[in-house]
């Protein structure tokens, strides 16, 4: 949860999706989603 709270405001929808979509969050879940998001952002602008 601390990791999610430390993300910048541009990740607000990402944070909400992770928080409300799952009962439990693991570090691996958050890391995987962040890496995927960054890859897409870099690929498409």
PDB file of N, CA and C in Angstrom:
ATOM      1  N   UNK A   1       0.830  -1.185   0.000  1.00  0.00           N
ATOM      2  CA  UNK A   1       0.000   0.000   0.000  1.00  0.00           C
ATOM      3  C   UNK A   1       0.874   1.247   0.000  1.00  0.00           C
ATOM      4  N   UNK A   2       1.973   1.188   0.708  1.00  0.00           N
ATOM      5  CA  UNK A   2       2.889   2.317   0.764  1.00  0.00           C
ATOM      6  C   UNK A   2       3.428   2.650  -0.624  1.00  0.00           C
ATOM      7  N   UNK A   3       3.728   1.617  -1.391  1.00  0.00           N
ATOM      8  CA  UNK A   3       4.223   1.824  -2.754  1.00  0.00           C
ATOM      9  C   UNK A   3       3.173   2.554  -3.595  1.00  0.00           C
ATOM     10  N   UNK A   4       1.927   2.145  -3.489  1.00  0.00           N
ATOM     11  CA  UNK A   4       0.868   2.790  -4.265  1.00  0.00           C
ATOM     12  C   UNK A   4       0.688   4.246  -3.861  1.00  0.00           C
ATOM     13  N   UNK A   5       0.800   4.523  -2.590  1.00  0.00           N
ATOM     14  CA  UNK A   5       0.626   5.896  -2.117  1.00  0.00           C
ATOM     15  C   UNK A   5       1.763   6.806  -2.555  1.00  0.00           C
ATOM     16  N   UNK A   6       2.902   6.239  -2.845  1.00  0.00           N
ATOM     17  CA  UNK A   6       4.048   7.055  -3.234  1.00  0.00           C
ATOM     18  C   UNK A   6       4.059   7.382  -4.736  1.00  0.00           C
ATOM     19  N   UNK A   7       3.140   6.814  -5.491  1.00  0.00           N
ATOM     20  CA  UNK A   7       3.086   7.091  -6.930  1.00  0.00           C
ATOM     21  C   UNK A   7       2.569   8.502  -7.186  1.00  0.00           C
ATOM     22  N   UNK A   8       3.023   9.121  -8.280  1.00  0.00           N
ATOM     23  CA  UNK A   8       2.558  10.475  -8.599  1.00  0.00           C
ATOM     24  C   UNK A   8       1.077  10.488  -8.983  1.00  0.00           C
ATOM     25  N   UNK A   9       0.465  11.677  -8.969  1.00  0.00           N
ATOM     26  CA  UNK A   9      -0.964  11.799  -9.293  1.00  0.00           C
ATOM     27  C   UNK A   9      -1.350  11.257 -10.674  1.00  0.00           C
ATOM     28  N   UNK A  10      -0.413  11.212 -11.607  1.00  0.00           N
ATOM     29  CA  UNK A  10      -0.732  10.702 -12.944  1.00  0.00           C
ATOM     30  C   UNK A  10      -1.100   9.220 -12.924  1.00  0.00           C
ATOM     31  N   UNK A  11      -0.812   8.526 -11.841  1.00  0.00           N
ATOM     32  CA  UNK A  11      -1.136   7.113 -11.702  1.00  0.00           C
ATOM     33  C   UNK A  11      -2.421   6.883 -10.919  1.00  0.00           C
ATOM     34  N   UNK A  12      -3.236   7.905 -10.735  1.00  0.00           N
ATOM     35  CA  UNK A  12      -4.445   7.798  -9.910  1.00  0.00           C
ATOM     36  C   UNK A  12      -5.385   6.698 -10.395  1.00  0.00           C
ATOM     37  N   UNK A  13      -5.677   6.645 -11.677  1.00  0.00           N
ATOM     38  CA  UNK A  13      -6.594   5.609 -12.163  1.00  0.00           C
ATOM     39  C   UNK A  13      -5.972   4.227 -12.028  1.00  0.00           C
ATOM     40  N   UNK A  14      -4.683   4.141 -12.214  1.00  0.00           N
ATOM     41  CA  UNK A  14      -3.965   2.883 -12.021  1.00  0.00           C
ATOM     42  C   UNK A  14      -4.091   2.412 -10.578  1.00  0.00           C
ATOM     43  N   UNK A  15      -3.890   3.334  -9.642  1.00  0.00           N
ATOM     44  CA  UNK A  15      -3.987   2.988  -8.221  1.00  0.00           C
ATOM     45  C   UNK A  15      -5.392   2.515  -7.879  1.00  0.00           C
ATOM     46  N   UNK A  16      -6.388   3.213  -8.348  1.00  0.00           N
ATOM     47  CA  UNK A  16      -7.768   2.841  -8.053  1.00  0.00           C
ATOM     48  C   UNK A  16      -8.103   1.465  -8.623  1.00  0.00           C
ATOM     49  N   UNK A  17      -7.637   1.193  -9.826  1.00  0.00           N
ATOM     50  CA  UNK A  17      -7.890  -0.108 -10.435  1.00  0.00           C
ATOM     51  C   UNK A  17      -7.274  -1.218  -9.606  1.00  0.00           C
ATOM     52  N   UNK A  18      -6.047  -1.039  -9.185  1.00  0.00           N
ATOM     53  CA  UNK A  18      -5.397  -2.070  -8.382  1.00  0.00           C
ATOM     54  C   UNK A  18      -6.058  -2.241  -7.021  1.00  0.00           C
ATOM     55  N   UNK A  19      -6.399  -1.153  -6.399  1.00  0.00           N
ATOM     56  CA  UNK A  19      -6.966  -1.219  -5.050  1.00  0.00           C
ATOM     57  C   UNK A  19      -8.350  -1.860  -5.055  1.00  0.00           C
ATOM     58  N   UNK A  20      -9.209  -1.469  -5.994  1.00  0.00           N
ATOM     59  CA  UNK A  20     -10.593  -1.936  -5.975  1.00  0.00           C
ATOM     60  C   UNK A  20     -10.818  -3.225  -6.746  1.00  0.00           C
ATOM     61  N   UNK A  21      -9.836  -3.637  -7.529  1.00  0.00           N
ATOM     62  CA  UNK A  21      -9.995  -4.827  -8.344  1.00  0.00           C
ATOM     63  C   UNK A  21      -9.585  -6.100  -7.606  1.00  0.00           C
ATOM     64  N   UNK A  22      -8.811  -5.954  -6.545  1.00  0.00           N
ATOM     65  CA  UNK A  22      -8.291  -7.130  -5.851  1.00  0.00           C
ATOM     66  C   UNK A  22      -8.523  -7.025  -4.356  1.00  0.00           C
ATOM     67  N   UNK A  23      -8.638  -8.182  -3.730  1.00  0.00           N
ATOM     68  CA  UNK A  23      -8.751  -8.210  -2.274  1.00  0.00           C
ATOM     69  C   UNK A  23      -7.390  -8.025  -1.616  1.00  0.00           C
ATOM     70  N   UNK A  24      -6.365  -8.599  -2.236  1.00  0.00           N
ATOM     71  CA  UNK A  24      -5.005  -8.483  -1.706  1.00  0.00           C
ATOM     72  C   UNK A  24      -4.071  -8.084  -2.827  1.00  0.00           C
ATOM     73  N   UNK A  25      -3.113  -7.247  -2.504  1.00  0.00           N
ATOM     74  CA  UNK A  25      -2.109  -6.824  -3.470  1.00  0.00           C
ATOM     75  C   UNK A  25      -0.748  -7.330  -3.033  1.00  0.00           C
ATOM     76  N   UNK A  26      -0.001  -7.849  -3.971  1.00  0.00           N
ATOM     77  CA  UNK A  26       1.371  -8.232  -3.674  1.00  0.00           C
ATOM     78  C   UNK A  26       2.302  -7.247  -4.378  1.00  0.00           C
ATOM     79  N   UNK A  27       3.519  -7.216  -3.921  1.00  0.00           N
ATOM     80  CA  UNK A  27       4.515  -6.371  -4.570  1.00  0.00           C
ATOM     81  C   UNK A  27       4.660  -6.757  -6.029  1.00  0.00           C
ATOM     82  N   UNK A  28       4.615  -8.043  -6.318  1.00  0.00           N
ATOM     83  CA  UNK A  28       4.757  -8.523  -7.688  1.00  0.00           C
ATOM     84  C   UNK A  28       3.610  -8.027  -8.579  1.00  0.00           C
ATOM     85  N   UNK A  29       2.394  -7.974  -8.044  1.00  0.00           N
ATOM     86  CA  UNK A  29       1.259  -7.446  -8.805  1.00  0.00           C
ATOM     87  C   UNK A  29       1.510  -5.992  -9.200  1.00  0.00           C
ATOM     88  N   UNK A  30       1.892  -5.194  -8.219  1.00  0.00           N
ATOM     89  CA  UNK A  30       2.111  -3.765  -8.460  1.00  0.00           C
ATOM     90  C   UNK A  30       3.268  -3.564  -9.419  1.00  0.00           C
ATOM     91  N   UNK A  31       4.358  -4.261  -9.190  1.00  0.00           N
ATOM     92  CA  UNK A  31       5.537  -4.126 -10.049  1.00  0.00           C
ATOM     93  C   UNK A  31       5.216  -4.514 -11.493  1.00  0.00           C
ATOM     94  N   UNK A  32       4.514  -5.614 -11.665  1.00  0.00           N
ATOM     95  CA  UNK A  32       4.149  -6.066 -13.005  1.00  0.00           C
ATOM     96  C   UNK A  32       3.277  -5.064 -13.741  1.00  0.00           C
ATOM     97  N   UNK A  33       2.293  -4.507 -13.047  1.00  0.00           N
ATOM     98  CA  UNK A  33       1.417  -3.509 -13.670  1.00  0.00           C
ATOM     99  C   UNK A  33       2.177  -2.228 -14.005  1.00  0.00           C
ATOM    100  N   UNK A  34       3.058  -1.809 -13.117  1.00  0.00           N
ATOM    101  CA  UNK A  34       3.841  -0.598 -13.378  1.00  0.00           C
ATOM    102  C   UNK A  34       4.754  -0.783 -14.578  1.00  0.00           C
ATOM    103  N   UNK A  35       5.404  -1.923 -14.661  1.00  0.00           N
ATOM    104  CA  UNK A  35       6.286  -2.183 -15.799  1.00  0.00           C
ATOM    105  C   UNK A  35       5.497  -2.235 -17.100  1.00  0.00           C
ATOM    106  N   UNK A  36       4.330  -2.846 -17.071  1.00  0.00           N
ATOM    107  CA  UNK A  36       3.483  -2.906 -18.267  1.00  0.00           C
ATOM    108  C   UNK A  36       3.037  -1.514 -18.694  1.00  0.00           C
ATOM    109  N   UNK A  37       2.648  -0.713 -17.727  1.00  0.00           N
ATOM    110  CA  UNK A  37       2.206   0.639 -18.017  1.00  0.00           C
ATOM    111  C   UNK A  37       3.328   1.469 -18.612  1.00  0.00           C
ATOM    112  N   UNK A  38       4.524   1.359 -18.061  1.00  0.00           N
ATOM    113  CA  UNK A  38       5.671   2.107 -18.576  1.00  0.00           C
ATOM    114  C   UNK A  38       6.045   1.653 -19.962  1.00  0.00           C
ATOM    115  N   UNK A  39       5.989   0.349 -20.234  1.00  0.00           N
ATOM    116  CA  UNK A  39       6.300  -0.158 -21.564  1.00  0.00           C
ATOM    117  C   UNK A  39       5.318   0.407 -22.590  1.00  0.00           C
ATOM    118  N   UNK A  40       4.022   0.402 -22.254  1.00  0.00           N
ATOM    119  CA  UNK A  40       3.019   0.943 -23.170  1.00  0.00           C
ATOM    120  C   UNK A  40       3.216   2.439 -23.387  1.00  0.00           C
ATOM    121  N   UNK A  41       3.524   3.150 -22.315  1.00  0.00           N
ATOM    122  CA  UNK A  41       3.723   4.592 -22.411  1.00  0.00           C
ATOM    123  C   UNK A  41       4.918   4.901 -23.320  1.00  0.00           C
ATOM    124  N   UNK A  42       5.982   4.153 -23.172  1.00  0.00           N
ATOM    125  CA  UNK A  42       7.183   4.368 -23.993  1.00  0.00           C
ATOM    126  C   UNK A  42       6.952   3.973 -25.441  1.00  0.00           C
ATOM    127  N   UNK A  43       6.165   2.927 -25.657  1.00  0.00           N
ATOM    128  CA  UNK A  43       5.914   2.446 -27.005  1.00  0.00           C
ATOM    129  C   UNK A  43       4.993   3.376 -27.794  1.00  0.00           C
ATOM    130  N   UNK A  44       3.965   3.897 -27.131  1.00  0.00           N
ATOM    131  CA  UNK A  44       2.963   4.690 -27.827  1.00  0.00           C
ATOM    132  C   UNK A  44       3.038   6.184 -27.534  1.00  0.00           C
ATOM    133  N   UNK A  45       4.036   6.609 -26.852  1.00  0.00           N
ATOM    134  CA  UNK A  45       4.211   8.035 -26.682  1.00  0.00           C
ATOM    135  C   UNK A  45       4.009   8.531 -25.323  1.00  0.00           C
TER     136      UNK A  45
END
